[in-house]
C-alpha cells in the first residue's frame, strides 16, 4: 500500500509540473487511470523504488554484535526486527527504535527492544514493553520523554544520566489520558512495519 501511495504521489507531482494544455490532458488521464487502479488494488507498483535500507543494515550489524550470545538460541524464523526512526533530541539526526515480536524476545510482560543512536550505538535496551511507544513533547536532559506500556499501564520514561531506564514497569505510572500531541512510534501491529532479518 505504501508503494502504491508513493507512485500516486509521483504521478500527481508530474501532473502538477506540466505547463502545456495537451500534456496536462495526457497526464490527467494517466493520473485518473492510476488512481482508479490504485484504489481497486490493480496498479502495478513493481518498479516503485525500494525503501532506503541503510538504517536497517546499520541496525542489523549492531544486533549481530549485541545479541551474539543469543543468536545461536534463536530460531531462524524468530531472527527478525522492526524499526522506526525518530529524532529524540532535535539534533537533525534520527535515533532508531528497534523492537521484536517473537517468543524469544517477548513474554507475558511484554517485549524487549533497543533505542539506538544514529551511528548505531546503544542509548538503551528495554524490556517488558508493549508496542507502540509514545514520544511526548516534554523532555529531560534534551531528550523527549516517552510513554511505554507495561503490564497494561503506561509509565513515564525520562532520560537519566544519558540513558532511558531499561525496565519501564518500575517507573512512574502515567496518570490520565495519553497527550494528544504525542507521537506513536514502533507501532508494529497497526502500521504493519516492515520486518527485517538479522
N, C-alpha and C. Protein backbone atom coordinates (compact mmCIF):
# COMPACT_ATOMS: atom_id res chain seq x y z
N UNK A 1 0.83 -1.19 0.00
CA UNK A 1 0.00 0.00 0.00
C UNK A 1 0.87 1.25 0.00
N UNK A 2 1.98 1.21 0.78
CA UNK A 2 2.87 2.35 0.86
C UNK A 2 3.45 2.66 -0.53
N UNK A 3 3.83 1.60 -1.26
CA UNK A 3 4.38 1.78 -2.61
C UNK A 3 3.35 2.37 -3.55
N UNK A 4 2.10 1.95 -3.42
CA UNK A 4 1.03 2.48 -4.27
C UNK A 4 0.87 3.99 -4.04
N UNK A 5 0.94 4.38 -2.79
CA UNK A 5 0.79 5.79 -2.45
C UNK A 5 1.96 6.59 -3.03
N UNK A 6 3.18 6.05 -2.93
CA UNK A 6 4.35 6.74 -3.48
C UNK A 6 4.23 6.92 -4.98
N UNK A 7 3.75 5.90 -5.69
CA UNK A 7 3.56 6.00 -7.14
C UNK A 7 2.54 7.08 -7.44
N UNK A 8 1.45 7.08 -6.70
CA UNK A 8 0.40 8.07 -6.91
C UNK A 8 0.92 9.49 -6.67
N UNK A 9 1.70 9.68 -5.62
CA UNK A 9 2.27 11.00 -5.32
C UNK A 9 3.20 11.44 -6.45
N UNK A 10 4.01 10.52 -6.94
CA UNK A 10 4.94 10.86 -8.03
C UNK A 10 4.18 11.29 -9.28
N UNK A 11 3.11 10.57 -9.58
CA UNK A 11 2.33 10.92 -10.78
C UNK A 11 1.64 12.26 -10.58
N UNK A 12 1.12 12.49 -9.39
CA UNK A 12 0.48 13.79 -9.12
C UNK A 12 1.50 14.93 -9.22
N UNK A 13 2.72 14.68 -8.76
CA UNK A 13 3.77 15.70 -8.87
C UNK A 13 4.06 16.01 -10.33
N UNK A 14 4.16 14.98 -11.15
CA UNK A 14 4.37 15.19 -12.59
C UNK A 14 3.23 15.98 -13.20
N UNK A 15 2.03 15.62 -12.81
CA UNK A 15 0.85 16.30 -13.32
C UNK A 15 0.87 17.78 -12.97
N UNK A 16 1.25 18.10 -11.75
CA UNK A 16 1.23 19.49 -11.31
C UNK A 16 2.34 20.33 -11.93
N UNK A 17 3.41 19.67 -12.42
CA UNK A 17 4.54 20.39 -13.01
C UNK A 17 4.37 20.65 -14.51
N UNK A 18 3.39 20.08 -15.16
CA UNK A 18 3.20 20.24 -16.59
C UNK A 18 2.66 21.63 -16.90
N UNK A 19 3.13 22.22 -18.02
CA UNK A 19 2.67 23.56 -18.36
C UNK A 19 1.83 23.60 -19.62
N UNK A 20 1.94 22.62 -20.50
CA UNK A 20 1.20 22.61 -21.75
C UNK A 20 -0.16 21.97 -21.54
N UNK A 21 -1.16 22.51 -22.23
CA UNK A 21 -2.52 22.01 -22.10
C UNK A 21 -2.62 20.56 -22.57
N UNK A 22 -1.97 20.23 -23.71
CA UNK A 22 -2.03 18.86 -24.22
C UNK A 22 -1.40 17.89 -23.22
N UNK A 23 -0.25 18.27 -22.69
CA UNK A 23 0.43 17.41 -21.73
C UNK A 23 -0.43 17.21 -20.49
N UNK A 24 -1.09 18.30 -20.08
CA UNK A 24 -1.95 18.20 -18.90
C UNK A 24 -3.05 17.19 -19.12
N UNK A 25 -3.62 17.20 -20.30
CA UNK A 25 -4.70 16.28 -20.61
C UNK A 25 -4.23 14.83 -20.56
N UNK A 26 -3.04 14.57 -21.13
CA UNK A 26 -2.49 13.22 -21.14
C UNK A 26 -2.15 12.78 -19.71
N UNK A 27 -1.46 13.66 -18.99
CA UNK A 27 -1.07 13.34 -17.62
C UNK A 27 -2.30 13.15 -16.75
N UNK A 28 -3.31 13.99 -16.94
CA UNK A 28 -4.54 13.89 -16.16
C UNK A 28 -5.17 12.51 -16.38
N UNK A 29 -5.19 12.06 -17.61
CA UNK A 29 -5.75 10.75 -17.92
C UNK A 29 -4.96 9.65 -17.22
N UNK A 30 -3.63 9.75 -17.25
CA UNK A 30 -2.77 8.75 -16.58
C UNK A 30 -3.02 8.76 -15.08
N UNK A 31 -3.11 9.96 -14.50
CA UNK A 31 -3.35 10.09 -13.06
C UNK A 31 -4.68 9.45 -12.69
N UNK A 32 -5.71 9.77 -13.44
CA UNK A 32 -7.02 9.21 -13.13
C UNK A 32 -7.02 7.69 -13.25
N UNK A 33 -6.40 7.19 -14.33
CA UNK A 33 -6.32 5.74 -14.53
C UNK A 33 -5.57 5.07 -13.38
N UNK A 34 -4.44 5.65 -13.00
CA UNK A 34 -3.64 5.09 -11.91
C UNK A 34 -4.39 5.16 -10.59
N UNK A 35 -5.08 6.27 -10.37
CA UNK A 35 -5.87 6.42 -9.15
C UNK A 35 -6.92 5.32 -9.05
N UNK A 36 -7.65 5.09 -10.14
CA UNK A 36 -8.66 4.03 -10.13
C UNK A 36 -8.04 2.66 -9.89
N UNK A 37 -6.89 2.41 -10.53
CA UNK A 37 -6.22 1.12 -10.35
C UNK A 37 -5.66 0.97 -8.94
N UNK A 38 -5.17 2.07 -8.37
CA UNK A 38 -4.63 2.03 -7.01
C UNK A 38 -5.74 1.73 -6.02
N UNK A 39 -6.84 2.44 -6.16
CA UNK A 39 -7.97 2.22 -5.26
C UNK A 39 -8.50 0.80 -5.43
N UNK A 40 -8.54 0.33 -6.66
CA UNK A 40 -9.03 -1.01 -6.94
C UNK A 40 -8.02 -2.11 -6.64
N UNK A 41 -6.78 -1.72 -6.32
CA UNK A 41 -5.76 -2.70 -5.99
C UNK A 41 -5.12 -3.37 -7.19
N UNK A 42 -5.28 -2.79 -8.39
CA UNK A 42 -4.71 -3.42 -9.59
C UNK A 42 -3.54 -2.65 -10.18
N UNK A 43 -3.10 -1.59 -9.53
CA UNK A 43 -1.97 -0.80 -10.06
C UNK A 43 -0.68 -1.60 -9.95
N UNK A 44 0.18 -1.48 -10.96
CA UNK A 44 1.47 -2.17 -10.96
C UNK A 44 2.50 -1.25 -10.32
N UNK A 45 2.96 -1.62 -9.13
CA UNK A 45 3.96 -0.81 -8.43
C UNK A 45 5.27 -1.58 -8.31
N UNK A 46 5.47 -2.55 -9.18
CA UNK A 46 6.67 -3.39 -9.09
C UNK A 46 7.95 -2.60 -9.34
N UNK A 47 7.85 -1.49 -10.06
CA UNK A 47 9.04 -0.69 -10.33
C UNK A 47 9.21 0.47 -9.35
N UNK A 48 8.38 0.51 -8.32
CA UNK A 48 8.49 1.58 -7.32
C UNK A 48 9.82 1.42 -6.58
N UNK A 49 10.48 2.53 -6.25
CA UNK A 49 11.77 2.43 -5.57
C UNK A 49 11.63 1.79 -4.20
N UNK A 50 12.59 0.97 -3.84
CA UNK A 50 12.58 0.30 -2.54
C UNK A 50 12.92 1.30 -1.44
N UNK A 51 12.50 0.99 -0.23
CA UNK A 51 12.81 1.82 0.93
C UNK A 51 14.32 1.85 1.13
N UNK A 52 14.85 2.98 1.52
CA UNK A 52 16.28 3.10 1.80
C UNK A 52 16.59 2.26 3.04
N UNK A 53 17.38 1.22 2.87
CA UNK A 53 17.63 0.30 3.96
C UNK A 53 19.01 0.48 4.61
N UNK A 54 19.59 1.66 4.47
CA UNK A 54 20.88 1.90 5.13
C UNK A 54 20.73 1.80 6.64
N UNK A 55 19.63 2.34 7.15
CA UNK A 55 19.38 2.27 8.59
C UNK A 55 19.16 0.82 9.03
N UNK A 56 18.41 0.06 8.24
CA UNK A 56 18.17 -1.35 8.57
C UNK A 56 19.48 -2.13 8.60
N UNK A 57 20.37 -1.84 7.67
CA UNK A 57 21.66 -2.53 7.63
C UNK A 57 22.51 -2.16 8.85
N UNK A 58 22.50 -0.89 9.23
CA UNK A 58 23.22 -0.44 10.42
C UNK A 58 22.68 -1.16 11.67
N UNK A 59 21.36 -1.22 11.78
CA UNK A 59 20.73 -1.89 12.92
C UNK A 59 21.05 -3.38 12.92
N UNK A 60 20.97 -4.01 11.76
CA UNK A 60 21.28 -5.44 11.64
C UNK A 60 22.69 -5.74 12.14
N UNK A 61 23.66 -4.93 11.71
CA UNK A 61 25.05 -5.14 12.16
C UNK A 61 25.17 -4.99 13.66
N UNK A 62 24.51 -3.99 14.22
CA UNK A 62 24.57 -3.76 15.66
C UNK A 62 23.90 -4.91 16.42
N UNK A 63 22.77 -5.40 15.94
CA UNK A 63 22.09 -6.50 16.62
C UNK A 63 22.94 -7.77 16.59
N UNK A 64 23.66 -7.99 15.51
CA UNK A 64 24.53 -9.17 15.45
C UNK A 64 25.64 -9.10 16.49
N UNK A 65 26.04 -7.89 16.88
CA UNK A 65 27.03 -7.72 17.95
C UNK A 65 26.35 -7.82 19.31
N UNK A 66 25.27 -7.07 19.50
CA UNK A 66 24.58 -7.03 20.80
C UNK A 66 23.99 -8.38 21.20
N UNK A 67 23.54 -9.14 20.22
CA UNK A 67 22.86 -10.41 20.51
C UNK A 67 23.70 -11.63 20.16
N UNK A 68 25.02 -11.44 20.15
CA UNK A 68 25.94 -12.51 19.75
C UNK A 68 25.69 -13.80 20.53
N UNK A 69 25.48 -13.70 21.83
CA UNK A 69 25.25 -14.89 22.66
C UNK A 69 23.86 -15.47 22.46
N UNK A 70 22.90 -14.62 22.08
CA UNK A 70 21.52 -15.07 21.91
C UNK A 70 21.28 -15.73 20.56
N UNK A 71 21.96 -15.27 19.53
CA UNK A 71 21.68 -15.72 18.16
C UNK A 71 21.67 -17.24 18.01
N UNK A 72 22.61 -17.98 18.58
CA UNK A 72 22.55 -19.43 18.42
C UNK A 72 21.29 -20.07 19.01
N UNK A 73 20.67 -19.39 19.98
CA UNK A 73 19.47 -19.92 20.63
C UNK A 73 18.17 -19.53 19.93
N UNK A 74 18.25 -18.54 19.03
CA UNK A 74 17.06 -18.02 18.36
C UNK A 74 16.86 -18.76 17.04
N UNK A 75 15.66 -19.25 16.80
CA UNK A 75 15.38 -19.93 15.54
C UNK A 75 15.47 -18.93 14.39
N UNK A 76 15.73 -19.43 13.21
CA UNK A 76 15.84 -18.57 12.04
C UNK A 76 14.55 -17.77 11.82
N UNK A 77 13.41 -18.41 12.09
CA UNK A 77 12.11 -17.74 11.92
C UNK A 77 11.92 -16.58 12.90
N UNK A 78 12.59 -16.65 14.06
CA UNK A 78 12.45 -15.61 15.08
C UNK A 78 13.54 -14.54 15.00
N UNK A 79 14.44 -14.66 14.04
CA UNK A 79 15.52 -13.69 13.91
C UNK A 79 15.10 -12.54 13.00
N UNK A 80 14.22 -11.69 13.53
CA UNK A 80 13.78 -10.52 12.78
C UNK A 80 13.51 -9.37 13.74
N UNK A 81 13.52 -8.17 13.19
CA UNK A 81 13.26 -6.97 13.98
C UNK A 81 12.44 -5.98 13.17
N UNK A 82 11.88 -5.02 13.87
CA UNK A 82 11.20 -3.88 13.26
C UNK A 82 11.92 -2.63 13.74
N UNK A 83 11.86 -1.57 12.97
CA UNK A 83 12.43 -0.33 13.47
C UNK A 83 11.63 0.86 12.97
N UNK A 84 11.77 1.95 13.70
CA UNK A 84 11.21 3.22 13.27
C UNK A 84 12.14 4.33 13.72
N UNK A 85 12.34 5.30 12.84
CA UNK A 85 13.25 6.41 13.11
C UNK A 85 12.48 7.59 13.72
N UNK A 86 13.14 8.28 14.65
CA UNK A 86 12.56 9.48 15.27
C UNK A 86 13.70 10.29 15.87
N UNK A 87 13.70 11.60 15.64
CA UNK A 87 14.72 12.47 16.20
C UNK A 87 14.32 12.82 17.64
N UNK A 88 14.92 12.13 18.59
CA UNK A 88 14.54 12.28 20.00
C UNK A 88 15.15 13.50 20.69
N UNK A 89 16.20 14.06 20.10
CA UNK A 89 16.88 15.18 20.77
C UNK A 89 17.04 16.41 19.89
N UNK A 90 16.29 16.48 18.82
CA UNK A 90 16.29 17.65 17.92
C UNK A 90 17.68 18.02 17.41
N UNK A 91 18.50 17.02 17.10
CA UNK A 91 19.82 17.31 16.54
C UNK A 91 19.85 17.09 15.02
N UNK A 92 18.67 16.94 14.42
CA UNK A 92 18.51 16.71 12.97
C UNK A 92 19.03 15.35 12.54
N UNK A 93 19.24 14.44 13.50
CA UNK A 93 19.64 13.07 13.19
C UNK A 93 18.67 12.13 13.90
N UNK A 94 18.17 11.17 13.16
CA UNK A 94 17.21 10.23 13.75
C UNK A 94 17.88 9.23 14.67
N UNK A 95 17.18 8.93 15.74
CA UNK A 95 17.52 7.78 16.56
C UNK A 95 16.60 6.66 16.08
N UNK A 96 16.91 5.42 16.46
CA UNK A 96 16.13 4.29 15.97
C UNK A 96 15.53 3.48 17.12
N UNK A 97 14.21 3.33 17.08
CA UNK A 97 13.51 2.43 17.98
C UNK A 97 13.52 1.06 17.30
N UNK A 98 14.01 0.05 17.99
CA UNK A 98 14.11 -1.30 17.43
C UNK A 98 13.32 -2.24 18.33
N UNK A 99 12.41 -3.00 17.74
CA UNK A 99 11.59 -3.91 18.54
C UNK A 99 11.49 -5.29 17.94
N UNK A 100 11.07 -6.21 18.76
CA UNK A 100 10.91 -7.61 18.36
C UNK A 100 9.48 -8.03 18.69
N UNK A 101 9.00 -9.06 18.03
CA UNK A 101 7.65 -9.57 18.35
C UNK A 101 7.60 -11.08 18.20
N UNK A 102 8.58 -11.75 18.78
CA UNK A 102 8.59 -13.21 18.70
C UNK A 102 8.77 -13.79 20.10
N UNK A 103 8.61 -15.09 20.22
CA UNK A 103 8.59 -15.73 21.54
C UNK A 103 9.93 -15.65 22.28
N UNK A 104 11.03 -15.49 21.55
CA UNK A 104 12.32 -15.41 22.22
C UNK A 104 12.48 -14.08 22.95
N UNK A 105 12.04 -13.00 22.34
CA UNK A 105 12.23 -11.66 22.90
C UNK A 105 10.99 -11.12 23.60
N UNK A 106 9.90 -11.86 23.57
CA UNK A 106 8.65 -11.40 24.19
C UNK A 106 8.13 -12.44 25.16
N UNK A 107 7.48 -11.96 26.19
CA UNK A 107 6.88 -12.85 27.18
C UNK A 107 5.56 -12.26 27.63
N UNK A 108 5.04 -12.76 28.73
CA UNK A 108 3.75 -12.29 29.22
C UNK A 108 3.80 -10.83 29.65
N UNK A 109 4.98 -10.33 30.02
CA UNK A 109 5.11 -8.94 30.46
C UNK A 109 5.34 -7.95 29.34
N UNK A 110 5.63 -8.44 28.14
CA UNK A 110 5.89 -7.55 27.01
C UNK A 110 7.12 -8.01 26.25
N UNK A 111 7.67 -7.12 25.46
CA UNK A 111 8.79 -7.45 24.58
C UNK A 111 10.02 -6.61 24.92
N UNK A 112 11.15 -7.04 24.38
CA UNK A 112 12.41 -6.32 24.52
C UNK A 112 12.67 -5.50 23.27
N UNK A 113 13.59 -4.57 23.39
CA UNK A 113 13.98 -3.77 22.24
C UNK A 113 15.14 -2.86 22.58
N UNK A 114 15.46 -2.00 21.64
CA UNK A 114 16.57 -1.06 21.81
C UNK A 114 16.18 0.31 21.29
N UNK A 115 16.87 1.31 21.80
CA UNK A 115 16.88 2.63 21.18
C UNK A 115 18.34 2.88 20.84
N UNK A 116 18.60 3.11 19.55
CA UNK A 116 19.96 3.30 19.07
C UNK A 116 20.17 4.72 18.58
N UNK A 117 21.39 5.21 18.74
CA UNK A 117 21.77 6.48 18.15
C UNK A 117 21.87 6.34 16.64
N UNK A 118 22.00 7.46 15.95
CA UNK A 118 22.12 7.46 14.50
C UNK A 118 23.32 6.68 14.00
N UNK A 119 24.35 6.57 14.80
CA UNK A 119 25.55 5.82 14.40
C UNK A 119 25.46 4.34 14.79
N UNK A 120 24.35 3.94 15.38
CA UNK A 120 24.16 2.55 15.78
C UNK A 120 24.50 2.25 17.23
N UNK A 121 25.14 3.19 17.92
CA UNK A 121 25.48 2.95 19.32
C UNK A 121 24.20 2.92 20.16
N UNK A 122 24.27 2.21 21.28
CA UNK A 122 23.09 1.96 22.10
C UNK A 122 22.81 3.14 23.05
N UNK A 123 21.60 3.64 22.99
CA UNK A 123 21.13 4.59 24.01
C UNK A 123 20.62 3.75 25.18
N UNK A 124 19.77 2.77 24.86
CA UNK A 124 19.37 1.82 25.90
C UNK A 124 18.71 0.58 25.33
N UNK A 125 18.68 -0.42 26.18
CA UNK A 125 17.97 -1.67 25.94
C UNK A 125 16.78 -1.63 26.87
N UNK A 126 15.61 -2.02 26.39
CA UNK A 126 14.44 -2.03 27.28
C UNK A 126 13.78 -3.40 27.25
N UNK A 127 13.04 -3.68 28.31
CA UNK A 127 12.36 -4.96 28.46
C UNK A 127 10.89 -4.71 28.80
N UNK A 128 10.14 -5.77 28.92
CA UNK A 128 8.73 -5.79 29.33
C UNK A 128 7.91 -4.58 28.82
N UNK A 129 7.94 -4.39 27.53
CA UNK A 129 7.26 -3.26 26.91
C UNK A 129 6.28 -3.75 25.86
N UNK A 130 5.09 -3.18 25.87
CA UNK A 130 4.12 -3.42 24.81
C UNK A 130 4.21 -2.28 23.81
N UNK A 131 4.05 -2.60 22.54
CA UNK A 131 4.11 -1.58 21.49
C UNK A 131 2.71 -1.09 21.17
N UNK A 132 2.56 0.15 20.73
CA UNK A 132 3.58 1.13 20.37
C UNK A 132 4.13 1.87 21.60
N UNK A 133 5.15 2.66 21.33
CA UNK A 133 5.75 3.57 22.31
C UNK A 133 5.31 4.97 21.91
N UNK A 134 5.08 5.83 22.88
CA UNK A 134 4.67 7.21 22.59
C UNK A 134 5.78 8.18 22.98
N UNK A 135 6.10 9.09 22.06
CA UNK A 135 7.07 10.15 22.32
C UNK A 135 6.28 11.39 22.67
N UNK A 136 6.53 11.95 23.85
CA UNK A 136 5.79 13.14 24.29
C UNK A 136 6.51 14.40 23.83
N UNK A 137 5.93 15.54 24.12
CA UNK A 137 6.57 16.82 23.78
C UNK A 137 7.39 17.36 24.93
N UNK A 138 7.30 16.74 26.11
CA UNK A 138 8.15 17.18 27.24
C UNK A 138 9.51 16.49 27.11
N UNK A 139 10.53 17.09 27.70
CA UNK A 139 11.86 16.50 27.58
C UNK A 139 12.63 16.58 28.89
N UNK A 140 13.60 15.68 29.01
CA UNK A 140 14.51 15.62 30.15
C UNK A 140 15.90 15.37 29.58
N UNK A 141 16.88 16.14 30.02
CA UNK A 141 18.26 16.04 29.52
C UNK A 141 18.30 16.13 27.98
N UNK A 142 17.48 17.01 27.43
CA UNK A 142 17.42 17.28 25.99
C UNK A 142 16.89 16.13 25.14
N UNK A 143 16.31 15.11 25.75
CA UNK A 143 15.67 14.02 25.02
C UNK A 143 14.20 13.99 25.40
N UNK A 144 13.34 13.75 24.41
CA UNK A 144 11.92 13.67 24.68
C UNK A 144 11.62 12.54 25.67
N UNK A 145 10.65 12.80 26.54
CA UNK A 145 10.16 11.76 27.45
C UNK A 145 9.32 10.78 26.64
N UNK A 146 9.24 9.56 27.13
CA UNK A 146 8.48 8.51 26.46
C UNK A 146 7.38 8.00 27.37
N UNK A 147 6.35 7.46 26.76
CA UNK A 147 5.33 6.72 27.48
C UNK A 147 5.38 5.30 26.95
N UNK A 148 5.71 4.37 27.84
CA UNK A 148 5.82 2.97 27.46
C UNK A 148 4.83 2.17 28.27
N UNK A 149 4.14 1.26 27.61
CA UNK A 149 3.12 0.45 28.27
C UNK A 149 3.74 -0.86 28.75
N UNK A 150 3.49 -1.18 29.99
CA UNK A 150 3.97 -2.43 30.58
C UNK A 150 2.94 -2.90 31.59
N UNK A 151 2.56 -4.15 31.52
CA UNK A 151 1.56 -4.67 32.44
C UNK A 151 0.22 -3.98 32.31
N UNK A 152 -0.10 -3.50 31.12
CA UNK A 152 -1.38 -2.85 30.88
C UNK A 152 -1.44 -1.39 31.29
N UNK A 153 -0.35 -0.86 31.84
CA UNK A 153 -0.33 0.54 32.29
C UNK A 153 0.79 1.30 31.60
N UNK A 154 0.56 2.59 31.36
CA UNK A 154 1.60 3.43 30.78
C UNK A 154 2.51 3.96 31.89
N UNK A 155 3.80 4.04 31.56
CA UNK A 155 4.79 4.55 32.50
C UNK A 155 5.54 5.69 31.84
N UNK A 156 5.84 6.72 32.64
CA UNK A 156 6.53 7.91 32.15
C UNK A 156 8.04 7.65 32.21
N UNK A 157 8.66 7.59 31.05
CA UNK A 157 10.07 7.24 30.94
C UNK A 157 10.87 8.50 30.60
N UNK A 158 11.80 8.84 31.49
CA UNK A 158 12.62 10.05 31.31
C UNK A 158 14.10 9.66 31.23
N UNK A 159 14.82 10.42 30.45
CA UNK A 159 16.26 10.22 30.34
C UNK A 159 16.90 10.48 31.70
N UNK A 160 17.81 9.58 32.10
CA UNK A 160 18.54 9.74 33.37
C UNK A 160 20.00 9.43 33.10
N UNK A 161 20.86 10.42 33.28
CA UNK A 161 22.30 10.23 33.06
C UNK A 161 22.62 9.66 31.68
N UNK A 162 21.94 10.18 30.66
CA UNK A 162 22.24 9.78 29.28
C UNK A 162 21.59 8.50 28.82
N UNK A 163 20.72 7.90 29.62
CA UNK A 163 20.04 6.65 29.24
C UNK A 163 18.58 6.71 29.68
N UNK A 164 17.73 6.04 28.91
CA UNK A 164 16.36 5.80 29.37
C UNK A 164 16.41 4.55 30.26
N UNK A 165 15.54 4.46 31.24
CA UNK A 165 15.50 3.27 32.09
C UNK A 165 15.18 2.01 31.27
N UNK A 166 15.75 0.89 31.67
CA UNK A 166 15.60 -0.37 30.92
C UNK A 166 14.27 -1.06 31.20
N UNK A 167 13.73 -0.89 32.39
CA UNK A 167 12.51 -1.59 32.75
C UNK A 167 11.40 -0.57 33.02
N UNK A 168 10.54 -0.33 32.04
CA UNK A 168 9.50 0.69 32.24
C UNK A 168 8.50 0.35 33.33
N UNK A 169 8.34 -0.93 33.66
CA UNK A 169 7.32 -1.33 34.64
C UNK A 169 7.59 -0.79 36.03
N UNK A 170 8.83 -0.41 36.33
CA UNK A 170 9.14 0.11 37.66
C UNK A 170 9.23 1.63 37.70
N UNK A 171 8.97 2.27 36.56
CA UNK A 171 8.99 3.73 36.50
C UNK A 171 7.62 4.30 36.87
N UNK A 172 7.60 5.61 37.04
CA UNK A 172 6.38 6.33 37.43
C UNK A 172 5.22 6.01 36.49
N UNK A 173 4.07 5.66 37.07
CA UNK A 173 2.88 5.38 36.26
C UNK A 173 2.32 6.69 35.71
N UNK A 174 1.85 6.64 34.47
CA UNK A 174 1.25 7.81 33.83
C UNK A 174 -0.19 7.92 34.28
N UNK A 175 -0.56 9.10 34.74
CA UNK A 175 -1.93 9.33 35.19
C UNK A 175 -2.66 10.15 34.13
N UNK A 176 -3.84 9.73 33.78
CA UNK A 176 -4.62 10.48 32.80
C UNK A 176 -4.51 9.88 31.41
N UNK A 177 -5.07 10.63 30.45
CA UNK A 177 -5.08 10.19 29.05
C UNK A 177 -3.72 10.42 28.41
N UNK A 178 -3.52 9.73 27.30
CA UNK A 178 -2.31 9.98 26.51
C UNK A 178 -2.39 11.39 25.94
N UNK A 179 -1.30 12.15 25.99
CA UNK A 179 -1.33 13.50 25.42
C UNK A 179 -1.62 13.44 23.92
N UNK A 180 -2.53 14.27 23.45
CA UNK A 180 -2.91 14.27 22.04
C UNK A 180 -1.73 14.60 21.12
N UNK A 181 -0.81 15.40 21.60
CA UNK A 181 0.32 15.81 20.77
C UNK A 181 1.47 14.81 20.78
N UNK A 182 1.34 13.69 21.47
CA UNK A 182 2.40 12.69 21.48
C UNK A 182 2.41 11.94 20.15
N UNK A 183 3.57 11.40 19.81
CA UNK A 183 3.76 10.68 18.55
C UNK A 183 3.92 9.20 18.82
N UNK A 184 3.16 8.40 18.11
CA UNK A 184 3.21 6.95 18.25
C UNK A 184 4.34 6.41 17.39
N UNK A 185 5.26 5.64 17.99
CA UNK A 185 6.35 5.01 17.24
C UNK A 185 6.41 3.52 17.54
N UNK A 186 7.02 2.81 16.64
CA UNK A 186 7.18 1.37 16.73
C UNK A 186 5.81 0.69 16.92
N UNK A 187 4.86 1.16 16.12
CA UNK A 187 3.51 0.60 16.14
C UNK A 187 3.51 -0.63 15.23
N UNK A 188 4.11 -1.69 15.72
CA UNK A 188 4.35 -2.90 14.93
C UNK A 188 3.07 -3.51 14.37
N UNK A 189 2.01 -3.51 15.14
CA UNK A 189 0.81 -4.22 14.75
C UNK A 189 -0.13 -3.39 13.89
N UNK A 190 -0.30 -2.12 14.19
CA UNK A 190 -1.22 -1.29 13.43
C UNK A 190 -0.61 -0.77 12.12
N UNK A 191 0.64 -0.31 12.17
CA UNK A 191 1.27 0.24 10.96
C UNK A 191 1.80 -0.85 10.03
N UNK A 192 1.85 -2.07 10.52
CA UNK A 192 2.39 -3.17 9.74
C UNK A 192 3.79 -2.82 9.22
N UNK A 193 4.66 -2.50 10.15
CA UNK A 193 6.02 -2.12 9.80
C UNK A 193 6.74 -3.28 9.10
N UNK A 194 7.70 -2.92 8.26
CA UNK A 194 8.46 -3.93 7.55
C UNK A 194 9.32 -4.75 8.51
N UNK A 195 9.42 -6.02 8.23
CA UNK A 195 10.17 -6.96 9.06
C UNK A 195 11.54 -7.17 8.42
N UNK A 196 12.61 -7.10 9.23
CA UNK A 196 13.98 -7.29 8.74
C UNK A 196 14.63 -8.44 9.48
N UNK A 197 15.38 -9.24 8.77
CA UNK A 197 16.10 -10.36 9.40
C UNK A 197 17.44 -9.87 9.93
N UNK A 198 17.99 -10.62 10.89
CA UNK A 198 19.35 -10.33 11.38
C UNK A 198 20.06 -11.63 11.63
